[in-house]
Amino acid sequence: MTTARDRLLGLRREVELTLGRLGAEHAAVVAASRDSNADDEHDPEGATIAFERAQVDALARAASERLAEIDAALERVDSGRYGVCERCGAPIAAARLAVRPAAATCVACAAR
C-alpha cells in the first residue's frame, strides 16, 4: 500500500528531475546565445532565444513552487496535519488528495 509520504516523495523526485532537465535546457539556451552574435533586439533569432530563455525560466519557477508545495505537504504528514484544510480545519476529500497530493486546502476553501 502506497502511503501519502511515499506518493509525495515520488512526486518530489519527479519534480527534482524536471528541475535538473530545465537547468540543462537553460544552460543550453544561454550557451547558444553566447556563442552566436544574436542581438535580441535586431536579430530575428534573438527574439526566439529570449522567448526560449523566458519560457524555461517560467517552467523552472513553477517547478520550484511545486517542490515547495510538496515539501510543505511532507511537513504536514510528519506533524499529523496532512489531509486537514489549513483554512477551515475540515478534512480534505480523498479524491482531492488523489488528484493534488500536496493540497493544503479543501475544495470549498480553494474555491474562495
N, C-alpha and C. Protein backbone atom coordinates (compact mmCIF):
# COMPACT_ATOMS: atom_id res chain seq x y z
N MET A 1 0.85 -1.18 0.00
CA MET A 1 0.00 0.00 0.00
C MET A 1 0.89 1.25 0.00
N THR A 2 0.61 2.14 -0.91
CA THR A 2 1.38 3.38 -1.01
C THR A 2 0.83 4.39 -0.01
N THR A 3 1.70 4.93 0.80
CA THR A 3 1.28 5.94 1.77
C THR A 3 1.37 7.33 1.14
N ALA A 4 0.78 8.30 1.81
CA ALA A 4 0.85 9.68 1.34
C ALA A 4 2.32 10.12 1.26
N ARG A 5 3.11 9.73 2.23
CA ARG A 5 4.53 10.10 2.24
C ARG A 5 5.24 9.51 1.02
N ASP A 6 4.98 8.25 0.73
CA ASP A 6 5.61 7.61 -0.44
C ASP A 6 5.21 8.33 -1.73
N ARG A 7 3.94 8.63 -1.85
CA ARG A 7 3.47 9.32 -3.05
C ARG A 7 4.11 10.69 -3.19
N LEU A 8 4.18 11.43 -2.10
CA LEU A 8 4.79 12.76 -2.13
C LEU A 8 6.28 12.68 -2.44
N LEU A 9 6.95 11.69 -1.88
CA LEU A 9 8.39 11.53 -2.17
C LEU A 9 8.61 11.18 -3.64
N GLY A 10 7.73 10.37 -4.21
CA GLY A 10 7.81 10.07 -5.63
C GLY A 10 7.62 11.31 -6.48
N LEU A 11 6.63 12.11 -6.12
CA LEU A 11 6.40 13.37 -6.83
C LEU A 11 7.59 14.31 -6.69
N ARG A 12 8.16 14.32 -5.50
CA ARG A 12 9.33 15.19 -5.26
C ARG A 12 10.49 14.79 -6.18
N ARG A 13 10.71 13.49 -6.31
CA ARG A 13 11.78 13.01 -7.21
C ARG A 13 11.50 13.44 -8.66
N GLU A 14 10.24 13.33 -9.09
CA GLU A 14 9.87 13.73 -10.44
C GLU A 14 10.15 15.22 -10.67
N VAL A 15 9.77 16.04 -9.70
CA VAL A 15 9.98 17.49 -9.82
C VAL A 15 11.47 17.81 -9.82
N GLU A 16 12.24 17.12 -8.98
CA GLU A 16 13.69 17.34 -8.97
C GLU A 16 14.31 17.00 -10.33
N LEU A 17 13.84 15.90 -10.95
CA LEU A 17 14.32 15.54 -12.29
C LEU A 17 13.94 16.61 -13.31
N THR A 18 12.72 17.11 -13.20
CA THR A 18 12.27 18.18 -14.10
C THR A 18 13.13 19.42 -13.92
N LEU A 19 13.42 19.78 -12.68
CA LEU A 19 14.27 20.95 -12.43
C LEU A 19 15.68 20.74 -13.01
N GLY A 20 16.20 19.54 -12.89
CA GLY A 20 17.51 19.25 -13.47
C GLY A 20 17.49 19.39 -14.98
N ARG A 21 16.43 18.86 -15.60
CA ARG A 21 16.30 18.96 -17.06
C ARG A 21 16.15 20.41 -17.49
N LEU A 22 15.36 21.17 -16.75
CA LEU A 22 15.17 22.59 -17.08
C LEU A 22 16.47 23.38 -16.89
N GLY A 23 17.23 23.02 -15.87
CA GLY A 23 18.53 23.66 -15.68
C GLY A 23 19.46 23.42 -16.85
N ALA A 24 19.44 22.18 -17.35
CA ALA A 24 20.27 21.85 -18.52
C ALA A 24 19.77 22.58 -19.76
N GLU A 25 18.45 22.68 -19.92
CA GLU A 25 17.90 23.42 -21.06
C GLU A 25 18.28 24.89 -20.99
N HIS A 26 18.19 25.46 -19.79
CA HIS A 26 18.54 26.87 -19.61
C HIS A 26 20.00 27.09 -19.96
N ALA A 27 20.86 26.21 -19.49
CA ALA A 27 22.29 26.33 -19.78
C ALA A 27 22.53 26.23 -21.29
N ALA A 28 21.80 25.35 -21.96
CA ALA A 28 21.96 25.20 -23.41
C ALA A 28 21.51 26.45 -24.15
N VAL A 29 20.40 27.05 -23.72
CA VAL A 29 19.91 28.27 -24.36
C VAL A 29 20.90 29.41 -24.14
N VAL A 30 21.39 29.53 -22.93
CA VAL A 30 22.37 30.58 -22.62
C VAL A 30 23.64 30.37 -23.44
N ALA A 31 24.11 29.13 -23.52
CA ALA A 31 25.32 28.84 -24.29
C ALA A 31 25.10 29.14 -25.77
N ALA A 32 23.94 28.80 -26.29
CA ALA A 32 23.64 29.06 -27.70
C ALA A 32 23.62 30.55 -27.98
N SER A 33 23.07 31.33 -27.06
CA SER A 33 23.01 32.77 -27.29
C SER A 33 24.39 33.41 -27.11
N ARG A 34 25.21 32.83 -26.25
CA ARG A 34 26.55 33.36 -26.03
C ARG A 34 27.45 33.08 -27.23
N ASP A 35 27.25 31.91 -27.85
CA ASP A 35 28.08 31.51 -28.99
C ASP A 35 27.67 32.16 -30.30
N SER A 36 26.55 32.85 -30.29
CA SER A 36 26.11 33.49 -31.53
C SER A 36 26.25 35.01 -31.39
N ASN A 37 26.10 35.67 -32.48
CA ASN A 37 26.13 37.13 -32.47
C ASN A 37 24.72 37.69 -32.40
N ALA A 38 23.78 36.86 -31.95
CA ALA A 38 22.38 37.26 -31.91
C ALA A 38 22.20 38.47 -31.00
N ASP A 39 21.50 39.42 -31.51
CA ASP A 39 21.12 40.62 -30.78
C ASP A 39 19.61 40.53 -30.63
N ASP A 40 19.15 40.32 -29.40
CA ASP A 40 17.72 40.12 -29.17
C ASP A 40 16.85 41.19 -29.84
N GLU A 41 17.34 42.38 -29.90
CA GLU A 41 16.54 43.48 -30.42
C GLU A 41 16.52 43.53 -31.94
N HIS A 42 17.63 43.20 -32.60
CA HIS A 42 17.72 43.38 -34.03
C HIS A 42 17.78 42.09 -34.85
N ASP A 43 18.12 40.99 -34.24
CA ASP A 43 18.24 39.73 -34.97
C ASP A 43 16.94 38.95 -34.83
N PRO A 44 16.38 38.46 -35.93
CA PRO A 44 15.15 37.69 -35.85
C PRO A 44 15.27 36.46 -34.94
N GLU A 45 16.43 35.86 -34.87
CA GLU A 45 16.64 34.71 -33.98
C GLU A 45 16.75 35.13 -32.52
N GLY A 46 17.13 36.37 -32.29
CA GLY A 46 17.30 36.85 -30.92
C GLY A 46 16.01 36.80 -30.13
N ALA A 47 14.90 37.14 -30.76
CA ALA A 47 13.61 37.10 -30.08
C ALA A 47 13.25 35.67 -29.68
N THR A 48 13.57 34.73 -30.55
CA THR A 48 13.31 33.32 -30.26
C THR A 48 14.14 32.85 -29.07
N ILE A 49 15.41 33.23 -29.05
CA ILE A 49 16.29 32.84 -27.94
C ILE A 49 15.78 33.45 -26.64
N ALA A 50 15.39 34.72 -26.67
CA ALA A 50 14.87 35.37 -25.46
C ALA A 50 13.59 34.69 -24.99
N PHE A 51 12.72 34.34 -25.94
CA PHE A 51 11.47 33.66 -25.59
C PHE A 51 11.76 32.30 -24.96
N GLU A 52 12.66 31.54 -25.56
CA GLU A 52 13.01 30.22 -25.02
C GLU A 52 13.58 30.34 -23.61
N ARG A 53 14.43 31.31 -23.42
CA ARG A 53 15.03 31.52 -22.09
C ARG A 53 13.94 31.88 -21.08
N ALA A 54 13.03 32.77 -21.46
CA ALA A 54 11.95 33.18 -20.55
C ALA A 54 11.02 32.00 -20.25
N GLN A 55 10.76 31.19 -21.26
CA GLN A 55 9.89 30.04 -21.08
C GLN A 55 10.51 29.03 -20.12
N VAL A 56 11.78 28.73 -20.30
CA VAL A 56 12.46 27.79 -19.41
C VAL A 56 12.51 28.35 -18.00
N ASP A 57 12.77 29.65 -17.86
CA ASP A 57 12.78 30.27 -16.53
C ASP A 57 11.41 30.14 -15.86
N ALA A 58 10.35 30.39 -16.59
CA ALA A 58 8.99 30.30 -16.03
C ALA A 58 8.68 28.86 -15.60
N LEU A 59 9.04 27.90 -16.42
CA LEU A 59 8.82 26.50 -16.06
C LEU A 59 9.63 26.10 -14.83
N ALA A 60 10.84 26.60 -14.73
CA ALA A 60 11.68 26.30 -13.57
C ALA A 60 11.10 26.93 -12.30
N ARG A 61 10.58 28.15 -12.41
CA ARG A 61 9.94 28.78 -11.25
C ARG A 61 8.72 27.98 -10.80
N ALA A 62 7.91 27.55 -11.77
CA ALA A 62 6.72 26.75 -11.43
C ALA A 62 7.13 25.44 -10.77
N ALA A 63 8.17 24.79 -11.27
CA ALA A 63 8.63 23.53 -10.68
C ALA A 63 9.17 23.77 -9.27
N SER A 64 9.85 24.87 -9.07
CA SER A 64 10.37 25.20 -7.72
C SER A 64 9.22 25.43 -6.75
N GLU A 65 8.17 26.09 -7.22
CA GLU A 65 6.98 26.31 -6.37
C GLU A 65 6.32 24.97 -6.04
N ARG A 66 6.25 24.09 -7.02
CA ARG A 66 5.67 22.76 -6.81
C ARG A 66 6.49 21.99 -5.78
N LEU A 67 7.81 22.10 -5.87
CA LEU A 67 8.69 21.44 -4.90
C LEU A 67 8.42 21.96 -3.49
N ALA A 68 8.25 23.26 -3.37
CA ALA A 68 7.95 23.85 -2.06
C ALA A 68 6.60 23.35 -1.53
N GLU A 69 5.60 23.21 -2.41
CA GLU A 69 4.30 22.68 -2.00
C GLU A 69 4.43 21.25 -1.51
N ILE A 70 5.22 20.47 -2.21
CA ILE A 70 5.42 19.07 -1.82
C ILE A 70 6.15 18.99 -0.48
N ASP A 71 7.16 19.82 -0.30
CA ASP A 71 7.89 19.84 0.98
C ASP A 71 6.96 20.24 2.13
N ALA A 72 6.08 21.21 1.88
CA ALA A 72 5.12 21.62 2.91
C ALA A 72 4.16 20.47 3.22
N ALA A 73 3.74 19.74 2.20
CA ALA A 73 2.85 18.59 2.42
C ALA A 73 3.57 17.50 3.22
N LEU A 74 4.84 17.28 2.93
CA LEU A 74 5.61 16.30 3.71
C LEU A 74 5.71 16.73 5.17
N GLU A 75 5.86 18.01 5.42
CA GLU A 75 5.87 18.51 6.81
C GLU A 75 4.52 18.26 7.48
N ARG A 76 3.42 18.43 6.70
CA ARG A 76 2.09 18.16 7.27
C ARG A 76 1.94 16.66 7.59
N VAL A 77 2.50 15.81 6.73
CA VAL A 77 2.47 14.36 7.01
C VAL A 77 3.19 14.09 8.32
N ASP A 78 4.39 14.65 8.47
CA ASP A 78 5.19 14.42 9.68
C ASP A 78 4.52 14.93 10.94
N SER A 79 3.78 16.03 10.82
CA SER A 79 3.14 16.62 12.01
C SER A 79 1.73 16.09 12.25
N GLY A 80 1.25 15.23 11.35
CA GLY A 80 -0.09 14.68 11.52
C GLY A 80 -1.19 15.59 11.02
N ARG A 81 -0.85 16.64 10.29
CA ARG A 81 -1.85 17.58 9.78
C ARG A 81 -2.20 17.34 8.32
N TYR A 82 -1.61 16.31 7.71
CA TYR A 82 -1.88 16.03 6.30
C TYR A 82 -3.34 15.63 6.12
N GLY A 83 -3.97 16.19 5.10
CA GLY A 83 -5.36 15.86 4.81
C GLY A 83 -6.34 16.71 5.58
N VAL A 84 -5.84 17.72 6.29
CA VAL A 84 -6.69 18.65 7.03
C VAL A 84 -6.52 20.04 6.43
N CYS A 85 -7.62 20.69 6.09
CA CYS A 85 -7.58 22.01 5.47
C CYS A 85 -6.90 23.02 6.38
N GLU A 86 -5.95 23.75 5.82
CA GLU A 86 -5.24 24.76 6.61
C GLU A 86 -6.09 25.98 6.91
N ARG A 87 -7.16 26.19 6.17
CA ARG A 87 -8.02 27.37 6.40
C ARG A 87 -9.14 27.08 7.39
N CYS A 88 -9.91 26.01 7.13
CA CYS A 88 -11.11 25.79 7.94
C CYS A 88 -10.98 24.61 8.90
N GLY A 89 -9.95 23.77 8.73
CA GLY A 89 -9.75 22.63 9.61
C GLY A 89 -10.55 21.39 9.25
N ALA A 90 -11.33 21.46 8.18
CA ALA A 90 -12.12 20.30 7.74
C ALA A 90 -11.21 19.30 7.02
N PRO A 91 -11.63 18.06 6.97
CA PRO A 91 -10.84 17.08 6.22
C PRO A 91 -10.83 17.42 4.72
N ILE A 92 -9.71 17.18 4.08
CA ILE A 92 -9.61 17.34 2.63
C ILE A 92 -10.04 16.01 2.02
N ALA A 93 -10.95 16.08 1.07
CA ALA A 93 -11.50 14.86 0.47
C ALA A 93 -10.39 14.01 -0.15
N ALA A 94 -10.55 12.70 0.00
CA ALA A 94 -9.56 11.77 -0.56
C ALA A 94 -9.42 11.95 -2.06
N ALA A 95 -10.52 12.25 -2.75
CA ALA A 95 -10.47 12.46 -4.20
C ALA A 95 -9.59 13.66 -4.54
N ARG A 96 -9.68 14.71 -3.73
CA ARG A 96 -8.83 15.89 -3.97
C ARG A 96 -7.36 15.54 -3.75
N LEU A 97 -7.08 14.81 -2.69
CA LEU A 97 -5.70 14.42 -2.41
C LEU A 97 -5.17 13.45 -3.46
N ALA A 98 -6.06 12.66 -4.07
CA ALA A 98 -5.63 11.76 -5.13
C ALA A 98 -5.18 12.55 -6.35
N VAL A 99 -5.86 13.66 -6.61
CA VAL A 99 -5.53 14.50 -7.77
C VAL A 99 -4.41 15.48 -7.44
N ARG A 100 -4.45 16.05 -6.25
CA ARG A 100 -3.46 17.03 -5.80
C ARG A 100 -2.92 16.60 -4.44
N PRO A 101 -1.95 15.69 -4.43
CA PRO A 101 -1.45 15.16 -3.15
C PRO A 101 -0.87 16.23 -2.22
N ALA A 102 -0.45 17.35 -2.76
CA ALA A 102 0.12 18.40 -1.92
C ALA A 102 -0.92 19.44 -1.51
N ALA A 103 -2.20 19.18 -1.79
CA ALA A 103 -3.25 20.15 -1.46
C ALA A 103 -3.23 20.49 0.03
N ALA A 104 -3.33 21.79 0.30
CA ALA A 104 -3.33 22.26 1.69
C ALA A 104 -4.70 22.73 2.13
N THR A 105 -5.62 22.81 1.16
CA THR A 105 -6.97 23.29 1.48
C THR A 105 -8.02 22.35 0.88
N CYS A 106 -9.21 22.38 1.48
CA CYS A 106 -10.33 21.61 0.94
C CYS A 106 -10.83 22.31 -0.33
N VAL A 107 -11.72 21.66 -1.04
CA VAL A 107 -12.25 22.22 -2.29
C VAL A 107 -12.96 23.54 -2.03
N ALA A 108 -13.76 23.60 -0.98
CA ALA A 108 -14.52 24.82 -0.69
C ALA A 108 -13.59 26.01 -0.42
N CYS A 109 -12.56 25.80 0.36
CA CYS A 109 -11.63 26.89 0.66
C CYS A 109 -10.78 27.24 -0.57
N ALA A 110 -10.44 26.26 -1.36
CA ALA A 110 -9.65 26.53 -2.57
C ALA A 110 -10.44 27.35 -3.57
N ALA A 111 -11.76 27.20 -3.56
CA ALA A 111 -12.63 27.93 -4.49
C ALA A 111 -12.79 29.40 -4.11
N ARG A 112 -12.51 29.72 -2.87
CA ARG A 112 -12.68 31.12 -2.41
C ARG A 112 -11.64 32.03 -2.98
